[in-house]
Amino acid sequence: MDRTAGLVGPSGAVGSGNVQGPQATDPITSQALAIAKQLKNGDFKNKEEATRKLVAEVLKEKLRMKSSALTSKIADALQDDPRLNQALERLWSKAE
């Protein structure tokens, strides 16, 4: 058996196993990075608006659901929790 077989990732590049650049591996991550970039470019009035957009995208993608009331409640809860708010701040800072 070839010893390098375990080092070749799905892209065929050696050593690419867990190394990811700014590319996203799933739709939610790519959408989150796109929203972060839009926030940086001024497409959103503020971080709260970007957070609501992110929550709406997660609900749409994962639950096939659209609810502005639920989106608002979840976004408010994310922003009110200090630990989750830090995670949001890290996400928003990832914009290129």
PDB file of N, CA and C in Angstrom:
ATOM      1  N   MET A   1       0.837  -1.180   0.000  1.00  0.00           N
ATOM      2  CA  MET A   1       0.000   0.000   0.000  1.00  0.00           C
ATOM      3  C   MET A   1       0.886   1.249   0.000  1.00  0.00           C
ATOM      4  N   ASP A   2       0.476   2.225  -0.750  1.00  0.00           N
ATOM      5  CA  ASP A   2       1.215   3.481  -0.850  1.00  0.00           C
ATOM      6  C   ASP A   2       1.110   4.255   0.455  1.00  0.00           C
ATOM      7  N   ARG A   3       2.235   4.662   1.038  1.00  0.00           N
ATOM      8  CA  ARG A   3       2.238   5.330   2.341  1.00  0.00           C
ATOM      9  C   ARG A   3       1.682   6.748   2.257  1.00  0.00           C
ATOM     10  N   THR A   4       1.652   7.340   1.067  1.00  0.00           N
ATOM     11  CA  THR A   4       1.142   8.702   0.934  1.00  0.00           C
ATOM     12  C   THR A   4      -0.367   8.737   0.747  1.00  0.00           C
ATOM     13  N   ALA A   5      -1.005   7.602   0.617  1.00  0.00           N
ATOM     14  CA  ALA A   5      -2.447   7.564   0.360  1.00  0.00           C
ATOM     15  C   ALA A   5      -3.235   8.281   1.449  1.00  0.00           C
ATOM     16  N   GLY A   6      -2.831   8.133   2.697  1.00  0.00           N
ATOM     17  CA  GLY A   6      -3.542   8.786   3.792  1.00  0.00           C
ATOM     18  C   GLY A   6      -3.292  10.280   3.874  1.00  0.00           C
ATOM     19  N   LEU A   7      -2.278  10.760   3.167  1.00  0.00           N
ATOM     20  CA  LEU A   7      -1.957  12.186   3.198  1.00  0.00           C
ATOM     21  C   LEU A   7      -2.660  12.976   2.113  1.00  0.00           C
ATOM     22  N   VAL A   8      -3.255  12.275   1.171  1.00  0.00           N
ATOM     23  CA  VAL A   8      -3.908  12.953   0.062  1.00  0.00           C
ATOM     24  C   VAL A   8      -5.354  13.215   0.433  1.00  0.00           C
ATOM     25  N   GLY A   9      -5.745  14.482   0.406  1.00  0.00           N
ATOM     26  CA  GLY A   9      -7.101  14.886   0.764  1.00  0.00           C
ATOM     27  C   GLY A   9      -8.045  14.725  -0.408  1.00  0.00           C
ATOM     28  N   PRO A  10      -9.314  15.092  -0.206  1.00  0.00           N
ATOM     29  CA  PRO A  10     -10.328  14.945  -1.249  1.00  0.00           C
ATOM     30  C   PRO A  10      -9.988  15.716  -2.525  1.00  0.00           C
ATOM     31  N   SER A  11      -9.233  16.799  -2.411  1.00  0.00           N
ATOM     32  CA  SER A  11      -8.886  17.586  -3.592  1.00  0.00           C
ATOM     33  C   SER A  11      -7.748  16.940  -4.373  1.00  0.00           C
ATOM     34  N   GLY A  12      -7.097  15.952  -3.760  1.00  0.00           N
ATOM     35  CA  GLY A  12      -5.964  15.319  -4.395  1.00  0.00           C
ATOM     36  C   GLY A  12      -4.649  15.961  -4.004  1.00  0.00           C
ATOM     37  N   ALA A  13      -4.712  17.025  -3.246  1.00  0.00           N
ATOM     38  CA  ALA A  13      -3.493  17.710  -2.817  1.00  0.00           C
ATOM     39  C   ALA A  13      -2.963  17.037  -1.558  1.00  0.00           C
ATOM     40  N   VAL A  14      -1.683  16.818  -1.513  1.00  0.00           N
ATOM     41  CA  VAL A  14      -1.068  16.180  -0.363  1.00  0.00           C
ATOM     42  C   VAL A  14      -1.178  17.097   0.849  1.00  0.00           C
ATOM     43  N   GLY A  15      -1.577  16.514   1.972  1.00  0.00           N
ATOM     44  CA  GLY A  15      -1.629  17.262   3.222  1.00  0.00           C
ATOM     45  C   GLY A  15      -2.810  18.199   3.346  1.00  0.00           C
ATOM     46  N   SER A  16      -3.825  18.049   2.530  1.00  0.00           N
ATOM     47  CA  SER A  16      -4.946  18.984   2.574  1.00  0.00           C
ATOM     48  C   SER A  16      -6.049  18.541   3.526  1.00  0.00           C
ATOM     49  N   GLY A  17      -5.821  17.508   4.294  1.00  0.00           N
ATOM     50  CA  GLY A  17      -6.846  16.940   5.163  1.00  0.00           C
ATOM     51  C   GLY A  17      -7.683  17.922   5.944  1.00  0.00           C
ATOM     52  N   ASN A  18      -7.099  18.645   6.886  1.00  0.00           N
ATOM     53  CA  ASN A  18      -7.864  19.579   7.696  1.00  0.00           C
ATOM     54  C   ASN A  18      -7.479  21.026   7.442  1.00  0.00           C
ATOM     55  N   VAL A  19      -6.700  21.259   6.430  1.00  0.00           N
ATOM     56  CA  VAL A  19      -6.254  22.618   6.160  1.00  0.00           C
ATOM     57  C   VAL A  19      -7.240  23.265   5.212  1.00  0.00           C
ATOM     58  N   GLN A  20      -7.900  24.294   5.687  1.00  0.00           N
ATOM     59  CA  GLN A  20      -8.851  25.014   4.866  1.00  0.00           C
ATOM     60  C   GLN A  20      -8.484  26.473   4.856  1.00  0.00           C
ATOM     61  N   GLY A  21      -8.502  27.066   3.720  1.00  0.00           N
ATOM     62  CA  GLY A  21      -8.313  28.504   3.610  1.00  0.00           C
ATOM     63  C   GLY A  21      -9.660  29.164   3.813  1.00  0.00           C
ATOM     64  N   PRO A  22      -9.880  30.290   3.171  1.00  0.00           N
ATOM     65  CA  PRO A  22     -11.149  30.972   3.319  1.00  0.00           C
ATOM     66  C   PRO A  22     -12.302  30.256   2.628  1.00  0.00           C
ATOM     67  N   GLN A  23     -12.006  29.175   1.865  1.00  0.00           N
ATOM     68  CA  GLN A  23     -13.074  28.443   1.219  1.00  0.00           C
ATOM     69  C   GLN A  23     -13.926  27.744   2.265  1.00  0.00           C
ATOM     70  N   ALA A  24     -15.207  27.676   2.002  1.00  0.00           N
ATOM     71  CA  ALA A  24     -16.117  27.014   2.928  1.00  0.00           C
ATOM     72  C   ALA A  24     -16.405  25.606   2.440  1.00  0.00           C
ATOM     73  N   THR A  25     -16.663  24.707   3.368  1.00  0.00           N
ATOM     74  CA  THR A  25     -16.920  23.332   3.002  1.00  0.00           C
ATOM     75  C   THR A  25     -18.405  23.022   2.941  1.00  0.00           C
ATOM     76  N   ASP A  26     -19.250  23.870   3.500  1.00  0.00           N
ATOM     77  CA  ASP A  26     -20.677  23.619   3.459  1.00  0.00           C
ATOM     78  C   ASP A  26     -21.402  24.932   3.156  1.00  0.00           C
ATOM     79  N   PRO A  27     -22.662  24.851   2.746  1.00  0.00           N
ATOM     80  CA  PRO A  27     -23.391  26.063   2.355  1.00  0.00           C
ATOM     81  C   PRO A  27     -23.531  27.093   3.482  1.00  0.00           C
ATOM     82  N   ILE A  28     -23.709  26.643   4.702  1.00  0.00           N
ATOM     83  CA  ILE A  28     -23.869  27.570   5.828  1.00  0.00           C
ATOM     84  C   ILE A  28     -22.580  28.359   6.053  1.00  0.00           C
ATOM     85  N   THR A  29     -21.455  27.673   6.035  1.00  0.00           N
ATOM     86  CA  THR A  29     -20.176  28.352   6.243  1.00  0.00           C
ATOM     87  C   THR A  29     -19.908  29.340   5.121  1.00  0.00           C
ATOM     88  N   SER A  30     -20.146  28.935   3.886  1.00  0.00           N
ATOM     89  CA  SER A  30     -19.903  29.859   2.781  1.00  0.00           C
ATOM     90  C   SER A  30     -20.849  31.049   2.849  1.00  0.00           C
ATOM     91  N   GLN A  31     -22.087  30.814   3.257  1.00  0.00           N
ATOM     92  CA  GLN A  31     -23.040  31.922   3.402  1.00  0.00           C
ATOM     93  C   GLN A  31     -22.605  32.855   4.534  1.00  0.00           C
ATOM     94  N   ALA A  32     -22.129  32.285   5.641  1.00  0.00           N
ATOM     95  CA  ALA A  32     -21.666  33.094   6.770  1.00  0.00           C
ATOM     96  C   ALA A  32     -20.483  33.971   6.364  1.00  0.00           C
ATOM     97  N   LEU A  33     -19.546  33.399   5.617  1.00  0.00           N
ATOM     98  CA  LEU A  33     -18.397  34.174   5.155  1.00  0.00           C
ATOM     99  C   LEU A  33     -18.822  35.257   4.168  1.00  0.00           C
ATOM    100  N   ALA A  34     -19.807  34.946   3.330  1.00  0.00           N
ATOM    101  CA  ALA A  34     -20.315  35.943   2.383  1.00  0.00           C
ATOM    102  C   ALA A  34     -20.989  37.095   3.129  1.00  0.00           C
ATOM    103  N   ILE A  35     -21.750  36.766   4.164  1.00  0.00           N
ATOM    104  CA  ILE A  35     -22.415  37.791   4.969  1.00  0.00           C
ATOM    105  C   ILE A  35     -21.371  38.646   5.692  1.00  0.00           C
ATOM    106  N   ALA A  36     -20.330  38.011   6.204  1.00  0.00           N
ATOM    107  CA  ALA A  36     -19.259  38.762   6.873  1.00  0.00           C
ATOM    108  C   ALA A  36     -18.601  39.740   5.896  1.00  0.00           C
ATOM    109  N   LYS A  37     -18.388  39.286   4.676  1.00  0.00           N
ATOM    110  CA  LYS A  37     -17.779  40.153   3.665  1.00  0.00           C
ATOM    111  C   LYS A  37     -18.723  41.307   3.315  1.00  0.00           C
ATOM    112  N   GLN A  38     -20.019  41.007   3.201  1.00  0.00           N
ATOM    113  CA  GLN A  38     -21.003  42.055   2.915  1.00  0.00           C
ATOM    114  C   GLN A  38     -21.055  43.079   4.047  1.00  0.00           C
ATOM    115  N   LEU A  39     -20.937  42.590   5.284  1.00  0.00           N
ATOM    116  CA  LEU A  39     -20.925  43.490   6.436  1.00  0.00           C
ATOM    117  C   LEU A  39     -19.726  44.422   6.351  1.00  0.00           C
ATOM    118  N   LYS A  40     -18.580  43.858   6.034  1.00  0.00           N
ATOM    119  CA  LYS A  40     -17.362  44.660   5.925  1.00  0.00           C
ATOM    120  C   LYS A  40     -17.475  45.692   4.803  1.00  0.00           C
ATOM    121  N   ASN A  41     -18.149  45.313   3.719  1.00  0.00           N
ATOM    122  CA  ASN A  41     -18.308  46.211   2.576  1.00  0.00           C
ATOM    123  C   ASN A  41     -19.417  47.250   2.781  1.00  0.00           C
ATOM    124  N   GLY A  42     -20.123  47.165   3.909  1.00  0.00           N
ATOM    125  CA  GLY A  42     -21.171  48.135   4.190  1.00  0.00           C
ATOM    126  C   GLY A  42     -22.534  47.797   3.617  1.00  0.00           C
ATOM    127  N   ASP A  43     -22.726  46.557   3.187  1.00  0.00           N
ATOM    128  CA  ASP A  43     -24.020  46.158   2.633  1.00  0.00           C
ATOM    129  C   ASP A  43     -25.103  46.020   3.707  1.00  0.00           C
ATOM    130  N   PHE A  44     -24.702  45.891   4.955  1.00  0.00           N
ATOM    131  CA  PHE A  44     -25.638  45.836   6.081  1.00  0.00           C
ATOM    132  C   PHE A  44     -25.440  47.087   6.918  1.00  0.00           C
ATOM    133  N   LYS A  45     -26.529  47.567   7.513  1.00  0.00           N
ATOM    134  CA  LYS A  45     -26.453  48.765   8.347  1.00  0.00           C
ATOM    135  C   LYS A  45     -25.603  48.531   9.586  1.00  0.00           C
ATOM    136  N   ASN A  46     -25.706  47.314  10.157  1.00  0.00           N
ATOM    137  CA  ASN A  46     -24.996  47.013  11.402  1.00  0.00           C
ATOM    138  C   ASN A  46     -24.859  45.500  11.559  1.00  0.00           C
ATOM    139  N   LYS A  47     -24.201  45.107  12.629  1.00  0.00           N
ATOM    140  CA  LYS A  47     -23.972  43.679  12.895  1.00  0.00           C
ATOM    141  C   LYS A  47     -25.269  42.956  13.214  1.00  0.00           C
ATOM    142  N   GLU A  48     -26.220  43.649  13.823  1.00  0.00           N
ATOM    143  CA  GLU A  48     -27.502  43.025  14.159  1.00  0.00           C
ATOM    144  C   GLU A  48     -28.227  42.589  12.880  1.00  0.00           C
ATOM    145  N   GLU A  49     -28.195  43.443  11.873  1.00  0.00           N
ATOM    146  CA  GLU A  49     -28.837  43.111  10.604  1.00  0.00           C
ATOM    147  C   GLU A  49     -28.146  41.917   9.946  1.00  0.00           C
ATOM    148  N   ALA A  50     -26.828  41.880  10.010  1.00  0.00           N
ATOM    149  CA  ALA A  50     -26.071  40.757   9.453  1.00  0.00           C
ATOM    150  C   ALA A  50     -26.384  39.467  10.220  1.00  0.00           C
ATOM    151  N   THR A  51     -26.511  39.581  11.533  1.00  0.00           N
ATOM    152  CA  THR A  51     -26.835  38.410  12.348  1.00  0.00           C
ATOM    153  C   THR A  51     -28.207  37.862  11.979  1.00  0.00           C
ATOM    154  N   ARG A  52     -29.171  38.740  11.803  1.00  0.00           N
ATOM    155  CA  ARG A  52     -30.522  38.301  11.410  1.00  0.00           C
ATOM    156  C   ARG A  52     -30.487  37.590  10.051  1.00  0.00           C
ATOM    157  N   LYS A  53     -29.692  38.110   9.125  1.00  0.00           N
ATOM    158  CA  LYS A  53     -29.562  37.483   7.813  1.00  0.00           C
ATOM    159  C   LYS A  53     -28.937  36.094   7.943  1.00  0.00           C
ATOM    160  N   LEU A  54     -27.907  35.978   8.781  1.00  0.00           N
ATOM    161  CA  LEU A  54     -27.265  34.680   8.994  1.00  0.00           C
ATOM    162  C   LEU A  54     -28.239  33.675   9.597  1.00  0.00           C
ATOM    163  N   VAL A  55     -28.983  34.094  10.607  1.00  0.00           N
ATOM    164  CA  VAL A  55     -29.952  33.200  11.243  1.00  0.00           C
ATOM    165  C   VAL A  55     -31.017  32.778  10.233  1.00  0.00           C
ATOM    166  N   ALA A  56     -31.495  33.705   9.426  1.00  0.00           N
ATOM    167  CA  ALA A  56     -32.503  33.377   8.410  1.00  0.00           C
ATOM    168  C   ALA A  56     -31.961  32.346   7.420  1.00  0.00           C
ATOM    169  N   GLU A  57     -30.689  32.486   7.039  1.00  0.00           N
ATOM    170  CA  GLU A  57     -30.073  31.530   6.115  1.00  0.00           C
ATOM    171  C   GLU A  57     -29.939  30.145   6.743  1.00  0.00           C
ATOM    172  N   VAL A  58     -29.577  30.098   8.027  1.00  0.00           N
ATOM    173  CA  VAL A  58     -29.455  28.806   8.714  1.00  0.00           C
ATOM    174  C   VAL A  58     -30.823  28.135   8.791  1.00  0.00           C
ATOM    175  N   LEU A  59     -31.850  28.890   9.155  1.00  0.00           N
ATOM    176  CA  LEU A  59     -33.198  28.317   9.221  1.00  0.00           C
ATOM    177  C   LEU A  59     -33.641  27.806   7.854  1.00  0.00           C
ATOM    178  N   LYS A  60     -33.356  28.577   6.828  1.00  0.00           N
ATOM    179  CA  LYS A  60     -33.753  28.180   5.472  1.00  0.00           C
ATOM    180  C   LYS A  60     -33.016  26.930   5.030  1.00  0.00           C
ATOM    181  N   GLU A  61     -31.708  26.884   5.267  1.00  0.00           N
ATOM    182  CA  GLU A  61     -30.896  25.761   4.800  1.00  0.00           C
ATOM    183  C   GLU A  61     -31.129  24.482   5.604  1.00  0.00           C
ATOM    184  N   LYS A  62     -31.148  24.611   6.927  1.00  0.00           N
ATOM    185  CA  LYS A  62     -31.208  23.420   7.779  1.00  0.00           C
ATOM    186  C   LYS A  62     -32.627  22.952   8.081  1.00  0.00           C
ATOM    187  N   LEU A  63     -33.556  23.889   8.198  1.00  0.00           N
ATOM    188  CA  LEU A  63     -34.908  23.509   8.605  1.00  0.00           C
ATOM    189  C   LEU A  63     -35.945  23.729   7.517  1.00  0.00           C
ATOM    190  N   ARG A  64     -35.515  24.257   6.387  1.00  0.00           N
ATOM    191  CA  ARG A  64     -36.439  24.582   5.297  1.00  0.00           C
ATOM    192  C   ARG A  64     -37.589  25.428   5.829  1.00  0.00           C
ATOM    193  N   MET A  65     -37.233  26.440   6.595  1.00  0.00           N
ATOM    194  CA  MET A  65     -38.220  27.232   7.307  1.00  0.00           C
ATOM    195  C   MET A  65     -37.918  28.714   7.137  1.00  0.00           C
ATOM    196  N   LYS A  66     -38.971  29.517   7.075  1.00  0.00           N
ATOM    197  CA  LYS A  66     -38.805  30.968   6.991  1.00  0.00           C
ATOM    198  C   LYS A  66     -39.782  31.597   7.985  1.00  0.00           C
ATOM    199  N   SER A  67     -39.224  32.233   9.004  1.00  0.00           N
ATOM    200  CA  SER A  67     -40.036  32.869  10.025  1.00  0.00           C
ATOM    201  C   SER A  67     -39.294  34.090  10.547  1.00  0.00           C
ATOM    202  N   SER A  68     -39.817  35.269  10.239  1.00  0.00           N
ATOM    203  CA  SER A  68     -39.124  36.481  10.688  1.00  0.00           C
ATOM    204  C   SER A  68     -39.181  36.622  12.206  1.00  0.00           C
ATOM    205  N   ALA A  69     -40.266  36.163  12.829  1.00  0.00           N
ATOM    206  CA  ALA A  69     -40.359  36.241  14.292  1.00  0.00           C
ATOM    207  C   ALA A  69     -39.323  35.328  14.950  1.00  0.00           C
ATOM    208  N   LEU A  70     -39.206  34.102  14.451  1.00  0.00           N
ATOM    209  CA  LEU A  70     -38.223  33.164  15.000  1.00  0.00           C
ATOM    210  C   LEU A  70     -36.798  33.646  14.721  1.00  0.00           C
ATOM    211  N   THR A  71     -36.579  34.168  13.532  1.00  0.00           N
ATOM    212  CA  THR A  71     -35.266  34.710  13.187  1.00  0.00           C
ATOM    213  C   THR A  71     -34.876  35.810  14.160  1.00  0.00           C
ATOM    214  N   SER A  72     -35.795  36.712  14.444  1.00  0.00           N
ATOM    215  CA  SER A  72     -35.514  37.815  15.374  1.00  0.00           C
ATOM    216  C   SER A  72     -35.221  37.311  16.775  1.00  0.00           C
ATOM    217  N   LYS A  73     -36.001  36.345  17.242  1.00  0.00           N
ATOM    218  CA  LYS A  73     -35.780  35.801  18.592  1.00  0.00           C
ATOM    219  C   LYS A  73     -34.413  35.135  18.701  1.00  0.00           C
ATOM    220  N   ILE A  74     -34.046  34.350  17.703  1.00  0.00           N
ATOM    221  CA  ILE A  74     -32.763  33.653  17.730  1.00  0.00           C
ATOM    222  C   ILE A  74     -31.614  34.663  17.622  1.00  0.00           C
ATOM    223  N   ALA A  75     -31.733  35.615  16.722  1.00  0.00           N
ATOM    224  CA  ALA A  75     -30.674  36.621  16.552  1.00  0.00           C
ATOM    225  C   ALA A  75     -30.489  37.428  17.837  1.00  0.00           C
ATOM    226  N   ASP A  76     -31.585  37.802  18.476  1.00  0.00           N
ATOM    227  CA  ASP A  76     -31.492  38.539  19.747  1.00  0.00           C
ATOM    228  C   ASP A  76     -30.811  37.696  20.812  1.00  0.00           C
ATOM    229  N   ALA A  77     -31.172  36.412  20.875  1.00  0.00           N
ATOM    230  CA  ALA A  77     -30.565  35.522  21.871  1.00  0.00           C
ATOM    231  C   ALA A  77     -29.063  35.369  21.622  1.00  0.00           C
ATOM    232  N   LEU A  78     -28.666  35.263  20.352  1.00  0.00           N
ATOM    233  CA  LEU A  78     -27.234  35.154  20.020  1.00  0.00           C
ATOM    234  C   LEU A  78     -26.475  36.392  20.467  1.00  0.00           C
ATOM    235  N   GLN A  79     -27.066  37.544  20.257  1.00  0.00           N
ATOM    236  CA  GLN A  79     -26.393  38.791  20.600  1.00  0.00           C
ATOM    237  C   GLN A  79     -26.391  39.052  22.097  1.00  0.00           C
ATOM    238  N   ASP A  80     -27.379  38.529  22.805  1.00  0.00           N
ATOM    239  CA  ASP A  80     -27.471  38.751  24.246  1.00  0.00           C
ATOM    240  C   ASP A  80     -26.545  37.845  25.051  1.00  0.00           C
ATOM    241  N   ASP A  81     -26.181  36.700  24.504  1.00  0.00           N
ATOM    242  CA  ASP A  81     -25.301  35.765  25.191  1.00  0.00           C
ATOM    243  C   ASP A  81     -23.855  36.165  24.927  1.00  0.00           C
ATOM    244  N   PRO A  82     -23.085  36.502  25.968  1.00  0.00           N
ATOM    245  CA  PRO A  82     -21.705  36.976  25.762  1.00  0.00           C
ATOM    246  C   PRO A  82     -20.819  35.996  24.996  1.00  0.00           C
ATOM    247  N   ARG A  83     -20.944  34.724  25.281  1.00  0.00           N
ATOM    248  CA  ARG A  83     -20.102  33.721  24.615  1.00  0.00           C
ATOM    249  C   ARG A  83     -20.464  33.617  23.129  1.00  0.00           C
ATOM    250  N   LEU A  84     -21.750  33.585  22.840  1.00  0.00           N
ATOM    251  CA  LEU A  84     -22.168  33.493  21.446  1.00  0.00           C
ATOM    252  C   LEU A  84     -21.897  34.788  20.693  1.00  0.00           C
ATOM    253  N   ASN A  85     -22.007  35.896  21.394  1.00  0.00           N
ATOM    254  CA  ASN A  85     -21.711  37.175  20.769  1.00  0.00           C
ATOM    255  C   ASN A  85     -20.231  37.246  20.388  1.00  0.00           C
ATOM    256  N   GLN A  86     -19.360  36.685  21.218  1.00  0.00           N
ATOM    257  CA  GLN A  86     -17.929  36.626  20.876  1.00  0.00           C
ATOM    258  C   GLN A  86     -17.715  35.802  19.609  1.00  0.00           C
ATOM    259  N   ALA A  87     -18.454  34.697  19.502  1.00  0.00           N
ATOM    260  CA  ALA A  87     -18.339  33.863  18.305  1.00  0.00           C
ATOM    261  C   ALA A  87     -18.783  34.640  17.070  1.00  0.00           C
ATOM    262  N   LEU A  88     -19.850  35.416  17.207  1.00  0.00           N
ATOM    263  CA  LEU A  88     -20.297  36.249  16.094  1.00  0.00           C
ATOM    264  C   LEU A  88     -19.230  37.279  15.727  1.00  0.00           C
ATOM    265  N   GLU A  89     -18.625  37.896  16.730  1.00  0.00           N
ATOM    266  CA  GLU A  89     -17.586  38.887  16.470  1.00  0.00           C
ATOM    267  C   GLU A  89     -16.407  38.261  15.719  1.00  0.00           C
ATOM    268  N   ARG A  90     -16.045  37.023  16.091  1.00  0.00           N
ATOM    269  CA  ARG A  90     -14.965  36.328  15.378  1.00  0.00           C
ATOM    270  C   ARG A  90     -15.378  36.076  13.924  1.00  0.00           C
ATOM    271  N   LEU A  91     -16.640  35.682  13.731  1.00  0.00           N
ATOM    272  CA  LEU A  91     -17.130  35.438  12.376  1.00  0.00           C
ATOM    273  C   LEU A  91     -17.086  36.722  11.547  1.00  0.00           C
ATOM    274  N   TRP A  92     -17.588  37.805  12.117  1.00  0.00           N
ATOM    275  CA  TRP A  92     -17.614  39.065  11.356  1.00  0.00           C
ATOM    276  C   TRP A  92     -16.208  39.559  11.049  1.00  0.00           C
ATOM    277  N   SER A  93     -15.244  39.226  11.893  1.00  0.00           N
ATOM    278  CA  SER A  93     -13.881  39.677  11.640  1.00  0.00           C
ATOM    279  C   SER A  93     -13.166  38.838  10.575  1.00  0.00           C
ATOM    280  N   LYS A  94     -13.750  37.727  10.173  1.00  0.00           N
ATOM    281  CA  LYS A  94     -13.127  36.846   9.168  1.00  0.00           C
ATOM    282  C   LYS A  94     -13.283  37.353   7.747  1.00  0.00           C
ATOM    283  N   ALA A  95     -14.037  38.397   7.543  1.00  0.00           N
ATOM    284  CA  ALA A  95     -14.223  38.916   6.184  1.00  0.00           C
ATOM    285  C   ALA A  95     -12.883  39.334   5.606  1.00  0.00           C
ATOM    286  N   GLU A  96     -12.672  39.013   4.361  1.00  0.00           N
ATOM    287  CA  GLU A  96     -11.398  39.330   3.706  1.00  0.00           C
ATOM    288  C   GLU A  96     -11.331  40.789   3.334  1.00  0.00           C
TER     289      GLU A  96
END
